[in-house]
């Protein structure tokens, strides 16, 4: 958290990782371990805003098997088509609701 000129900002960056119950070398996510999602909430004197930024969102093809590769492709392809925008919007709205 930083406070600057009456602004308050919270930033969280997440990265796909291995399942604690699975193989520690296998990423249990449709994106590879180089992908990140950064969530920012900023509150100023007269506003609150949320930003969600995805970076390096590459298909996870490492040691996942054929069925998971197909699933990962479909989910990633849907993301490129902006089909996941509805989910991200809902998450951002919930973050704003919980911050008020």
Protein backbone atom coordinates (compact mmCIF):
# COMPACT_ATOMS: atom_id res chain seq x y z
CA UNK A 1 0.00 0.00 0.00
CA UNK A 2 1.24 3.47 -0.82
CA UNK A 3 -0.22 6.78 0.22
CA UNK A 4 0.60 9.75 -1.98
CA UNK A 5 -1.20 13.10 -2.25
CA UNK A 6 -4.32 11.75 -0.55
CA UNK A 7 -4.28 8.58 -2.70
CA UNK A 8 -4.26 5.05 -1.42
CA UNK A 9 -3.17 2.25 -3.75
CA UNK A 10 -3.14 -1.53 -3.29
CA UNK A 11 -1.43 -3.80 -5.80
CA UNK A 12 -1.40 -7.62 -5.97
CA UNK A 13 0.35 -9.66 -8.65
CA UNK A 14 -0.56 -13.32 -9.14
CA UNK A 15 1.16 -16.03 -11.18
CA UNK A 16 0.02 -19.57 -12.08
CA UNK A 17 1.66 -22.20 -9.92
CA UNK A 18 1.72 -25.90 -9.25
CA UNK A 19 -1.02 -27.44 -7.14
CA UNK A 20 0.12 -28.09 -3.55
CA UNK A 21 -1.41 -31.57 -3.90
CA UNK A 22 0.07 -32.36 -7.31
CA UNK A 23 3.40 -32.57 -9.08
CA UNK A 24 5.45 -29.50 -8.05
CA UNK A 25 6.82 -29.25 -11.60
CA UNK A 26 3.38 -29.11 -13.28
CA UNK A 27 1.48 -25.83 -13.51
CA UNK A 28 -2.22 -26.46 -12.89
CA UNK A 29 -3.45 -23.52 -14.94
CA UNK A 30 -4.35 -22.79 -18.56
CA UNK A 31 -1.62 -20.12 -18.77
CA UNK A 32 2.09 -20.85 -18.39
CA UNK A 33 4.06 -19.86 -15.31
CA UNK A 34 5.33 -16.73 -17.12
CA UNK A 35 1.82 -15.20 -17.07
CA UNK A 36 0.88 -12.65 -14.44
CA UNK A 37 -2.33 -10.92 -13.42
CA UNK A 38 -1.94 -7.65 -11.55
CA UNK A 39 -4.86 -6.22 -9.58
CA UNK A 40 -4.78 -2.56 -8.58
CA UNK A 41 -7.25 -0.69 -6.40
CA UNK A 42 -6.73 3.05 -6.06
CA UNK A 43 -8.73 5.39 -3.90
CA UNK A 44 -8.45 9.16 -4.22
CA UNK A 45 -10.33 11.96 -2.55
CA UNK A 46 -13.32 11.66 -4.89
CA UNK A 47 -12.90 8.34 -6.72
CA UNK A 48 -12.16 4.62 -6.46
CA UNK A 49 -10.87 2.71 -9.45
CA UNK A 50 -9.88 -0.87 -10.15
CA UNK A 51 -7.53 -2.17 -12.83
CA UNK A 52 -6.78 -5.75 -13.82
CA UNK A 53 -3.81 -6.27 -16.11
CA UNK A 54 -2.74 -9.57 -17.67
CA UNK A 55 0.79 -10.00 -19.00
CA UNK A 56 2.61 -12.81 -20.84
CA UNK A 57 -0.59 -14.86 -21.15
CA UNK A 58 0.76 -17.85 -23.06
CA UNK A 59 -0.89 -21.26 -23.40
CA UNK A 60 0.36 -23.78 -20.83
CA UNK A 61 1.61 -26.79 -22.81
CA UNK A 62 4.13 -28.22 -20.33
CA UNK A 63 3.47 -31.73 -18.97
CA UNK A 64 -0.31 -31.35 -18.87
CA UNK A 65 -1.55 -34.21 -21.08
CA UNK A 66 -3.79 -34.09 -24.14
CA UNK A 67 -7.11 -33.33 -22.40
CA UNK A 68 -5.69 -30.46 -20.37
CA UNK A 69 -3.88 -29.14 -23.47
CA UNK A 70 -7.22 -29.01 -25.31
CA UNK A 71 -8.92 -27.34 -22.32
CA UNK A 72 -6.06 -24.85 -21.96
CA UNK A 73 -6.28 -24.00 -25.66
CA UNK A 74 -10.04 -23.40 -25.51
CA UNK A 75 -9.83 -21.20 -22.42
CA UNK A 76 -6.87 -19.24 -23.79
CA UNK A 77 -8.57 -18.82 -27.17
CA UNK A 78 -11.71 -17.55 -25.40
CA UNK A 79 -9.53 -15.03 -23.57
CA UNK A 80 -8.06 -13.78 -26.83
CA UNK A 81 -11.60 -13.34 -28.15
CA UNK A 82 -12.41 -11.26 -25.03
CA UNK A 83 -15.01 -13.80 -23.87
CA UNK A 84 -13.53 -13.69 -20.37
CA UNK A 85 -14.10 -9.91 -20.15
CA UNK A 86 -17.46 -10.56 -18.44
CA UNK A 87 -15.75 -12.51 -15.64
CA UNK A 88 -13.03 -9.90 -15.17
CA UNK A 89 -15.67 -7.13 -15.09
CA UNK A 90 -17.63 -9.03 -12.43
CA UNK A 91 -14.46 -9.46 -10.35
CA UNK A 92 -13.60 -5.76 -10.65
CA UNK A 93 -17.14 -4.81 -9.61
CA UNK A 94 -16.93 -7.09 -6.54
CA UNK A 95 -13.56 -5.56 -5.62
CA UNK A 96 -15.12 -2.10 -5.77
CA UNK A 97 -18.13 -3.23 -3.74
CA UNK A 98 -15.93 -4.67 -0.99
CA UNK A 99 -13.75 -1.56 -0.87
CA UNK A 100 -16.63 0.85 -0.23
